[in-house]
């Protein structure tokens, strides 16, 4: 009497194991394709490190603050945007343009599994970016970790959801050329208005108010506060970032097209 339920359970376990292996295999493919794209390596790996070193040599940070303590959180936020919004968004848009998404959507790997693999590849690249940025900050500028590491990780996860969702929303709803222009344009806007390089209080009041309402500044503020010893809990910015993530993911799910 127990043979049939046991067989069904084994079948379910085998199916789950196969799905997991398929997702991991697709994740490796996504990572390999990203590494082979020179422009993706430039925008995701090289640019944030170069910007960190460049702006650390300039006297633009608020007085009384070490340049590296101000800049590192902003560069981590910029790395999240570069990987999730720019690299993932543009690559997925051209996969849809050339019919790759349509073919993958008809493969044994479910579409949800494909999206999961893309998100896992983004997280893997972000881990590499964090190691590089933190390594440069610690090795060259003597930066040492402080603050609330758990809140920093939470901010990075929520920020990844927001900007990866934005990249997929553009890729699934716009033409490839429009996604290319939009992702790069937003990257530049968020670089200027994200608070990672230029303190927001240096901006005109209306522009400062706009910048503080955007997800880039919210992510930067969460990371900077959580990486500063004695800083208050960045509750309002974390909530704002989570709201942006929820809105963007909802829009993306409703607008995403596979072909």
C-alpha atoms as a PDB file:
ATOM      1  CA  UNK A   1       0.000   0.000   0.000  1.00  0.00           C
ATOM      2  CA  UNK A   2       2.928   2.367   0.618  1.00  0.00           C
ATOM      3  CA  UNK A   3       4.712   1.632  -2.655  1.00  0.00           C
ATOM      4  CA  UNK A   4       2.639   4.007  -4.795  1.00  0.00           C
ATOM      5  CA  UNK A   5       3.009   7.102  -2.552  1.00  0.00           C
ATOM      6  CA  UNK A   6       6.724   6.389  -2.218  1.00  0.00           C
ATOM      7  CA  UNK A   7       7.083   6.155  -5.989  1.00  0.00           C
ATOM      8  CA  UNK A   8       5.230   9.440  -6.442  1.00  0.00           C
ATOM      9  CA  UNK A   9       7.460  11.104  -3.864  1.00  0.00           C
ATOM     10  CA  UNK A  10      10.559   9.799  -5.593  1.00  0.00           C
ATOM     11  CA  UNK A  11       9.259  11.086  -8.910  1.00  0.00           C
ATOM     12  CA  UNK A  12       8.636  14.530  -7.414  1.00  0.00           C
ATOM     13  CA  UNK A  13      12.113  14.613  -5.871  1.00  0.00           C
ATOM     14  CA  UNK A  14      13.706  13.536  -9.135  1.00  0.00           C
ATOM     15  CA  UNK A  15      11.785  16.249 -10.989  1.00  0.00           C
ATOM     16  CA  UNK A  16      12.880  18.903  -8.503  1.00  0.00           C
ATOM     17  CA  UNK A  17      16.473  17.731  -8.752  1.00  0.00           C
ATOM     18  CA  UNK A  18      16.359  17.864 -12.545  1.00  0.00           C
ATOM     19  CA  UNK A  19      14.901  21.376 -12.447  1.00  0.00           C
ATOM     20  CA  UNK A  20      17.624  22.531 -10.063  1.00  0.00           C
ATOM     21  CA  UNK A  21      20.367  21.069 -12.253  1.00  0.00           C
ATOM     22  CA  UNK A  22      18.822  22.704 -15.321  1.00  0.00           C
ATOM     23  CA  UNK A  23      18.685  26.091 -13.588  1.00  0.00           C
ATOM     24  CA  UNK A  24      22.310  25.803 -12.464  1.00  0.00           C
ATOM     25  CA  UNK A  25      23.390  24.765 -15.959  1.00  0.00           C
ATOM     26  CA  UNK A  26      21.569  27.754 -17.469  1.00  0.00           C
ATOM     27  CA  UNK A  27      23.147  30.004 -14.830  1.00  0.00           C
ATOM     28  CA  UNK A  28      26.598  28.867 -15.955  1.00  0.00           C
ATOM     29  CA  UNK A  29      25.640  29.602 -19.551  1.00  0.00           C
ATOM     30  CA  UNK A  30      24.426  33.088 -18.602  1.00  0.00           C
ATOM     31  CA  UNK A  31      27.682  33.799 -16.779  1.00  0.00           C
ATOM     32  CA  UNK A  32      29.808  32.558 -19.673  1.00  0.00           C
ATOM     33  CA  UNK A  33      27.873  34.666 -22.165  1.00  0.00           C
ATOM     34  CA  UNK A  34      28.248  37.733 -19.953  1.00  0.00           C
ATOM     35  CA  UNK A  35      32.002  37.220 -19.576  1.00  0.00           C
ATOM     36  CA  UNK A  36      32.361  36.862 -23.342  1.00  0.00           C
ATOM     37  CA  UNK A  37      30.641  40.219 -23.927  1.00  0.00           C
ATOM     38  CA  UNK A  38      33.381  42.798 -23.625  1.00  0.00           C
ATOM     39  CA  UNK A  39      30.956  45.669 -23.061  1.00  0.00           C
ATOM     40  CA  UNK A  40      29.330  43.803 -20.159  1.00  0.00           C
ATOM     41  CA  UNK A  41      32.696  43.193 -18.492  1.00  0.00           C
ATOM     42  CA  UNK A  42      33.539  46.877 -18.969  1.00  0.00           C
ATOM     43  CA  UNK A  43      30.331  48.272 -17.479  1.00  0.00           C
ATOM     44  CA  UNK A  44      29.927  45.749 -14.668  1.00  0.00           C
ATOM     45  CA  UNK A  45      33.467  44.947 -13.532  1.00  0.00           C
ATOM     46  CA  UNK A  46      35.865  47.648 -14.712  1.00  0.00           C
ATOM     47  CA  UNK A  47      33.871  50.905 -14.614  1.00  0.00           C
ATOM     48  CA  UNK A  48      32.840  50.801 -10.907  1.00  0.00           C
ATOM     49  CA  UNK A  49      36.442  50.101  -9.823  1.00  0.00           C
ATOM     50  CA  UNK A  50      37.825  52.850 -12.082  1.00  0.00           C
ATOM     51  CA  UNK A  51      35.231  55.326 -10.810  1.00  0.00           C
ATOM     52  CA  UNK A  52      36.056  54.444  -7.207  1.00  0.00           C
ATOM     53  CA  UNK A  53      39.771  55.101  -7.735  1.00  0.00           C
ATOM     54  CA  UNK A  54      39.149  58.236  -9.814  1.00  0.00           C
ATOM     55  CA  UNK A  55      36.691  59.969  -7.506  1.00  0.00           C
ATOM     56  CA  UNK A  56      38.659  58.955  -4.416  1.00  0.00           C
ATOM     57  CA  UNK A  57      41.464  61.167  -5.758  1.00  0.00           C
ATOM     58  CA  UNK A  58      39.176  64.224  -5.979  1.00  0.00           C
ATOM     59  CA  UNK A  59      38.150  66.502  -3.147  1.00  0.00           C
ATOM     60  CA  UNK A  60      34.381  66.307  -3.640  1.00  0.00           C
ATOM     61  CA  UNK A  61      33.166  64.438  -0.564  1.00  0.00           C
ATOM     62  CA  UNK A  62      31.590  66.214   2.439  1.00  0.00           C
ATOM     63  CA  UNK A  63      34.077  67.616   4.937  1.00  0.00           C
ATOM     64  CA  UNK A  64      34.817  65.395   7.909  1.00  0.00           C
ATOM     65  CA  UNK A  65      34.214  62.223   5.881  1.00  0.00           C
ATOM     66  CA  UNK A  66      36.872  59.979   4.415  1.00  0.00           C
ATOM     67  CA  UNK A  67      36.542  59.767   0.653  1.00  0.00           C
ATOM     68  CA  UNK A  68      36.493  55.970   0.635  1.00  0.00           C
ATOM     69  CA  UNK A  69      33.778  55.778   3.312  1.00  0.00           C
ATOM     70  CA  UNK A  70      31.570  58.071   1.217  1.00  0.00           C
ATOM     71  CA  UNK A  71      32.340  56.564  -2.198  1.00  0.00           C
ATOM     72  CA  UNK A  72      32.389  52.800  -1.584  1.00  0.00           C
ATOM     73  CA  UNK A  73      28.641  52.475  -0.830  1.00  0.00           C
ATOM     74  CA  UNK A  74      27.849  54.518  -3.924  1.00  0.00           C
ATOM     75  CA  UNK A  75      30.082  52.365  -6.107  1.00  0.00           C
ATOM     76  CA  UNK A  76      28.448  49.212  -4.725  1.00  0.00           C
ATOM     77  CA  UNK A  77      25.063  50.694  -5.633  1.00  0.00           C
ATOM     78  CA  UNK A  78      26.374  51.588  -9.083  1.00  0.00           C
ATOM     79  CA  UNK A  79      27.619  48.022  -9.540  1.00  0.00           C
ATOM     80  CA  UNK A  80      24.133  46.684  -8.757  1.00  0.00           C
ATOM     81  CA  UNK A  81      22.633  49.035 -11.353  1.00  0.00           C
ATOM     82  CA  UNK A  82      25.239  48.127 -13.962  1.00  0.00           C
ATOM     83  CA  UNK A  83      24.707  44.392 -13.557  1.00  0.00           C
ATOM     84  CA  UNK A  84      20.939  44.241 -13.089  1.00  0.00           C
ATOM     85  CA  UNK A  85      19.683  47.108 -15.209  1.00  0.00           C
ATOM     86  CA  UNK A  86      22.301  47.601 -17.928  1.00  0.00           C
ATOM     87  CA  UNK A  87      23.964  44.238 -18.537  1.00  0.00           C
ATOM     88  CA  UNK A  88      20.964  41.994 -17.863  1.00  0.00           C
ATOM     89  CA  UNK A  89      18.490  44.353 -19.509  1.00  0.00           C
ATOM     90  CA  UNK A  90      20.410  44.864 -22.745  1.00  0.00           C
ATOM     91  CA  UNK A  91      21.416  41.208 -23.099  1.00  0.00           C
ATOM     92  CA  UNK A  92      17.843  40.018 -22.541  1.00  0.00           C
ATOM     93  CA  UNK A  93      16.474  42.605 -24.977  1.00  0.00           C
ATOM     94  CA  UNK A  94      18.698  41.362 -27.779  1.00  0.00           C
ATOM     95  CA  UNK A  95      17.910  37.748 -26.906  1.00  0.00           C
ATOM     96  CA  UNK A  96      14.234  38.624 -27.406  1.00  0.00           C
ATOM     97  CA  UNK A  97      15.045  40.553 -30.614  1.00  0.00           C
ATOM     98  CA  UNK A  98      16.875  37.594 -32.170  1.00  0.00           C
ATOM     99  CA  UNK A  99      14.305  35.025 -31.035  1.00  0.00           C
ATOM    100  CA  UNK A 100      16.556  33.378 -28.464  1.00  0.00           C
ATOM    101  CA  UNK A 101      14.050  33.935 -25.653  1.00  0.00           C
ATOM    102  CA  UNK A 102      11.283  32.371 -27.711  1.00  0.00           C
ATOM    103  CA  UNK A 103      13.361  29.242 -28.298  1.00  0.00           C
ATOM    104  CA  UNK A 104      14.443  29.068 -24.662  1.00  0.00           C
ATOM    105  CA  UNK A 105      10.846  29.555 -23.578  1.00  0.00           C
ATOM    106  CA  UNK A 106       9.926  26.408 -25.497  1.00  0.00           C
ATOM    107  CA  UNK A 107      12.739  24.329 -24.005  1.00  0.00           C
ATOM    108  CA  UNK A 108      12.289  21.817 -21.147  1.00  0.00           C
ATOM    109  CA  UNK A 109      13.500  24.519 -18.733  1.00  0.00           C
ATOM    110  CA  UNK A 110      10.394  26.411 -17.569  1.00  0.00           C
ATOM    111  CA  UNK A 111      10.303  30.140 -18.199  1.00  0.00           C
ATOM    112  CA  UNK A 112      10.368  30.748 -14.466  1.00  0.00           C
ATOM    113  CA  UNK A 113      13.534  28.654 -14.311  1.00  0.00           C
ATOM    114  CA  UNK A 114      15.130  30.778 -17.034  1.00  0.00           C
ATOM    115  CA  UNK A 115      14.357  33.987 -15.121  1.00  0.00           C
ATOM    116  CA  UNK A 116      15.731  32.368 -11.960  1.00  0.00           C
ATOM    117  CA  UNK A 117      18.951  31.478 -13.792  1.00  0.00           C
ATOM    118  CA  UNK A 118      19.331  35.055 -14.996  1.00  0.00           C
ATOM    119  CA  UNK A 119      18.844  36.408 -11.472  1.00  0.00           C
ATOM    120  CA  UNK A 120      21.366  33.894 -10.086  1.00  0.00           C
ATOM    121  CA  UNK A 121      23.902  34.987 -12.691  1.00  0.00           C
ATOM    122  CA  UNK A 122      23.334  38.613 -11.652  1.00  0.00           C
ATOM    123  CA  UNK A 123      23.919  37.717  -7.993  1.00  0.00           C
ATOM    124  CA  UNK A 124      27.120  35.844  -8.894  1.00  0.00           C
ATOM    125  CA  UNK A 125      28.451  38.840 -10.819  1.00  0.00           C
ATOM    126  CA  UNK A 126      27.533  41.157  -7.969  1.00  0.00           C
ATOM    127  CA  UNK A 127      29.463  38.955  -5.563  1.00  0.00           C
ATOM    128  CA  UNK A 128      32.527  39.346  -7.790  1.00  0.00           C
ATOM    129  CA  UNK A 129      31.986  43.110  -7.968  1.00  0.00           C
ATOM    130  CA  UNK A 130      31.707  43.373  -4.191  1.00  0.00           C
ATOM    131  CA  UNK A 131      34.922  41.395  -3.707  1.00  0.00           C
ATOM    132  CA  UNK A 132      36.779  43.624  -6.184  1.00  0.00           C
ATOM    133  CA  UNK A 133      35.459  46.923  -4.834  1.00  0.00           C
ATOM    134  CA  UNK A 134      35.952  46.003  -1.192  1.00  0.00           C
ATOM    135  CA  UNK A 135      39.396  44.597  -2.000  1.00  0.00           C
ATOM    136  CA  UNK A 136      40.457  47.842  -3.682  1.00  0.00           C
ATOM    137  CA  UNK A 137      38.970  49.939  -0.874  1.00  0.00           C
ATOM    138  CA  UNK A 138      40.703  47.886   1.828  1.00  0.00           C
ATOM    139  CA  UNK A 139      44.002  47.319   0.052  1.00  0.00           C
ATOM    140  CA  UNK A 140      44.595  50.818  -1.310  1.00  0.00           C
ATOM    141  CA  UNK A 141      42.657  53.120   1.007  1.00  0.00           C
ATOM    142  CA  UNK A 142      42.655  51.206   4.283  1.00  0.00           C
ATOM    143  CA  UNK A 143      38.869  50.800   4.437  1.00  0.00           C
ATOM    144  CA  UNK A 144      37.584  48.474   7.143  1.00  0.00           C
ATOM    145  CA  UNK A 145      34.055  47.069   7.527  1.00  0.00           C
ATOM    146  CA  UNK A 146      31.814  48.711  10.076  1.00  0.00           C
ATOM    147  CA  UNK A 147      28.140  49.274  10.681  1.00  0.00           C
ATOM    148  CA  UNK A 148      25.376  46.686  10.198  1.00  0.00           C
ATOM    149  CA  UNK A 149      26.432  44.029   7.680  1.00  0.00           C
ATOM    150  CA  UNK A 150      22.981  42.417   7.695  1.00  0.00           C
ATOM    151  CA  UNK A 151      21.284  45.649   6.626  1.00  0.00           C
ATOM    152  CA  UNK A 152      23.905  46.104   3.918  1.00  0.00           C
ATOM    153  CA  UNK A 153      23.157  42.644   2.523  1.00  0.00           C
ATOM    154  CA  UNK A 154      19.414  43.295   2.713  1.00  0.00           C
ATOM    155  CA  UNK A 155      19.863  46.564   0.844  1.00  0.00           C
ATOM    156  CA  UNK A 156      21.886  44.846  -1.864  1.00  0.00           C
ATOM    157  CA  UNK A 157      19.225  42.127  -2.267  1.00  0.00           C
ATOM    158  CA  UNK A 158      16.320  44.584  -2.469  1.00  0.00           C
ATOM    159  CA  UNK A 159      18.338  46.837  -4.789  1.00  0.00           C
ATOM    160  CA  UNK A 160      19.096  43.869  -7.031  1.00  0.00           C
ATOM    161  CA  UNK A 161      15.378  43.055  -7.222  1.00  0.00           C
ATOM    162  CA  UNK A 162      14.603  46.663  -8.171  1.00  0.00           C
ATOM    163  CA  UNK A 163      17.247  47.132 -10.855  1.00  0.00           C
ATOM    164  CA  UNK A 164      17.183  43.608 -12.279  1.00  0.00           C
ATOM    165  CA  UNK A 165      13.408  44.001 -12.481  1.00  0.00           C
ATOM    166  CA  UNK A 166      13.873  47.334 -14.264  1.00  0.00           C
ATOM    167  CA  UNK A 167      16.271  45.769 -16.743  1.00  0.00           C
ATOM    168  CA  UNK A 168      13.905  42.862 -17.467  1.00  0.00           C
ATOM    169  CA  UNK A 169      10.908  45.222 -17.697  1.00  0.00           C
ATOM    170  CA  UNK A 170      12.647  47.282 -20.376  1.00  0.00           C
ATOM    171  CA  UNK A 171      13.907  44.167 -22.165  1.00  0.00           C
ATOM    172  CA  UNK A 172      10.451  42.587 -22.247  1.00  0.00           C
ATOM    173  CA  UNK A 173       8.464  45.680 -23.157  1.00  0.00           C
ATOM    174  CA  UNK A 174      10.704  47.742 -25.468  1.00  0.00           C
ATOM    175  CA  UNK A 175      12.611  47.203 -28.675  1.00  0.00           C
ATOM    176  CA  UNK A 176      16.218  46.161 -28.233  1.00  0.00           C
ATOM    177  CA  UNK A 177      17.520  49.528 -29.464  1.00  0.00           C
ATOM    178  CA  UNK A 178      15.237  51.390 -27.047  1.00  0.00           C
ATOM    179  CA  UNK A 179      16.388  49.181 -24.161  1.00  0.00           C
ATOM    180  CA  UNK A 180      20.026  49.856 -25.076  1.00  0.00           C
ATOM    181  CA  UNK A 181      19.474  53.607 -25.073  1.00  0.00           C
ATOM    182  CA  UNK A 182      17.193  53.603 -22.034  1.00  0.00           C
ATOM    183  CA  UNK A 183      19.413  51.442 -19.833  1.00  0.00           C
ATOM    184  CA  UNK A 184      22.542  53.454 -20.603  1.00  0.00           C
ATOM    185  CA  UNK A 185      20.661  56.737 -20.214  1.00  0.00           C
ATOM    186  CA  UNK A 186      19.259  55.747 -16.832  1.00  0.00           C
ATOM    187  CA  UNK A 187      22.704  54.558 -15.760  1.00  0.00           C
ATOM    188  CA  UNK A 188      24.136  58.013 -16.408  1.00  0.00           C
ATOM    189  CA  UNK A 189      21.195  59.710 -14.684  1.00  0.00           C
ATOM    190  CA  UNK A 190      21.536  57.484 -11.632  1.00  0.00           C
ATOM    191  CA  UNK A 191      25.297  58.076 -11.615  1.00  0.00           C
ATOM    192  CA  UNK A 192      24.678  61.814 -11.348  1.00  0.00           C
ATOM    193  CA  UNK A 193      21.565  61.759  -9.156  1.00  0.00           C
ATOM    194  CA  UNK A 194      22.180  58.623  -7.098  1.00  0.00           C
ATOM    195  CA  UNK A 195      24.266  60.313  -4.419  1.00  0.00           C
ATOM    196  CA  UNK A 196      27.110  57.881  -4.917  1.00  0.00           C
ATOM    197  CA  UNK A 197      29.569  60.429  -6.302  1.00  0.00           C
ATOM    198  CA  UNK A 198      28.063  63.875  -5.848  1.00  0.00           C
ATOM    199  CA  UNK A 199      26.413  64.651  -2.490  1.00  0.00           C
ATOM    200  CA  UNK A 200      22.740  65.307  -3.145  1.00  0.00           C
ATOM    201  CA  UNK A 201      22.717  68.448  -1.029  1.00  0.00           C
ATOM    202  CA  UNK A 202      25.023  70.006  -3.639  1.00  0.00           C
ATOM    203  CA  UNK A 203      22.129  69.899  -6.128  1.00  0.00           C
ATOM    204  CA  UNK A 204      19.448  72.593  -6.564  1.00  0.00           C
ATOM    205  CA  UNK A 205      16.544  71.971  -4.152  1.00  0.00           C
ATOM    206  CA  UNK A 206      14.016  70.705  -6.777  1.00  0.00           C
ATOM    207  CA  UNK A 207      16.612  68.346  -8.288  1.00  0.00           C
ATOM    208  CA  UNK A 208      17.638  67.148  -4.836  1.00  0.00           C
ATOM    209  CA  UNK A 209      14.009  66.333  -4.002  1.00  0.00           C
ATOM    210  CA  UNK A 210      13.649  64.403  -7.274  1.00  0.00           C
ATOM    211  CA  UNK A 211      16.884  62.505  -6.685  1.00  0.00           C
ATOM    212  CA  UNK A 212      15.845  61.497  -3.163  1.00  0.00           C
ATOM    213  CA  UNK A 213      12.645  59.973  -4.569  1.00  0.00           C
ATOM    214  CA  UNK A 214      14.514  57.722  -7.033  1.00  0.00           C
ATOM    215  CA  UNK A 215      15.601  54.135  -6.289  1.00  0.00           C
ATOM    216  CA  UNK A 216      19.268  54.881  -6.965  1.00  0.00           C
ATOM    217  CA  UNK A 217      19.540  57.376  -4.114  1.00  0.00           C
ATOM    218  CA  UNK A 218      17.498  55.116  -1.844  1.00  0.00           C
ATOM    219  CA  UNK A 219      19.896  52.213  -2.442  1.00  0.00           C
ATOM    220  CA  UNK A 220      22.952  54.417  -1.946  1.00  0.00           C
ATOM    221  CA  UNK A 221      21.547  55.853   1.289  1.00  0.00           C
ATOM    222  CA  UNK A 222      20.720  52.397   2.655  1.00  0.00           C
ATOM    223  CA  UNK A 223      24.227  51.135   1.916  1.00  0.00           C
ATOM    224  CA  UNK A 224      25.975  54.240   3.223  1.00  0.00           C
ATOM    225  CA  UNK A 225      24.013  54.327   6.484  1.00  0.00           C
ATOM    226  CA  UNK A 226      24.359  50.598   7.063  1.00  0.00           C
ATOM    227  CA  UNK A 227      28.119  50.766   6.394  1.00  0.00           C
ATOM    228  CA  UNK A 228      28.697  53.667   8.799  1.00  0.00           C
ATOM    229  CA  UNK A 229      29.237  52.993  12.491  1.00  0.00           C
ATOM    230  CA  UNK A 230      26.642  54.702  14.660  1.00  0.00           C
ATOM    231  CA  UNK A 231      24.423  55.768  11.758  1.00  0.00           C
ATOM    232  CA  UNK A 232      20.656  55.532  12.290  1.00  0.00           C
ATOM    233  CA  UNK A 233      18.679  52.661  10.786  1.00  0.00           C
ATOM    234  CA  UNK A 234      17.838  53.657   7.175  1.00  0.00           C
ATOM    235  CA  UNK A 235      14.189  52.658   7.518  1.00  0.00           C
ATOM    236  CA  UNK A 236      12.610  55.253   5.216  1.00  0.00           C
ATOM    237  CA  UNK A 237      15.111  54.654   2.408  1.00  0.00           C
ATOM    238  CA  UNK A 238      14.776  50.879   2.748  1.00  0.00           C
ATOM    239  CA  UNK A 239      10.984  51.158   2.524  1.00  0.00           C
ATOM    240  CA  UNK A 240      11.262  53.476  -0.499  1.00  0.00           C
ATOM    241  CA  UNK A 241      13.611  51.026  -2.211  1.00  0.00           C
ATOM    242  CA  UNK A 242      11.281  48.107  -1.446  1.00  0.00           C
ATOM    243  CA  UNK A 243       8.297  50.041  -2.833  1.00  0.00           C
ATOM    244  CA  UNK A 244      10.225  50.773  -6.032  1.00  0.00           C
ATOM    245  CA  UNK A 245      11.198  47.103  -6.299  1.00  0.00           C
ATOM    246  CA  UNK A 246       7.591  45.947  -5.873  1.00  0.00           C
ATOM    247  CA  UNK A 247       6.279  48.440  -8.451  1.00  0.00           C
ATOM    248  CA  UNK A 248       8.987  47.645 -10.988  1.00  0.00           C
ATOM    249  CA  UNK A 249       8.573  43.882 -10.619  1.00  0.00           C
ATOM    250  CA  UNK A 250       4.800  44.176 -10.989  1.00  0.00           C
ATOM    251  CA  UNK A 251       5.133  46.300 -14.132  1.00  0.00           C
ATOM    252  CA  UNK A 252       7.726  43.913 -15.496  1.00  0.00           C
ATOM    253  CA  UNK A 253       5.546  40.848 -14.961  1.00  0.00           C
ATOM    254  CA  UNK A 254       2.601  42.509 -16.679  1.00  0.00           C
ATOM    255  CA  UNK A 255       4.544  43.916 -19.629  1.00  0.00           C
ATOM    256  CA  UNK A 256       7.181  41.257 -20.311  1.00  0.00           C
ATOM    257  CA  UNK A 257       6.892  39.587 -23.710  1.00  0.00           C
ATOM    258  CA  UNK A 258       8.933  36.598 -24.819  1.00  0.00           C
ATOM    259  CA  UNK A 259       8.833  37.449 -28.511  1.00  0.00           C
END
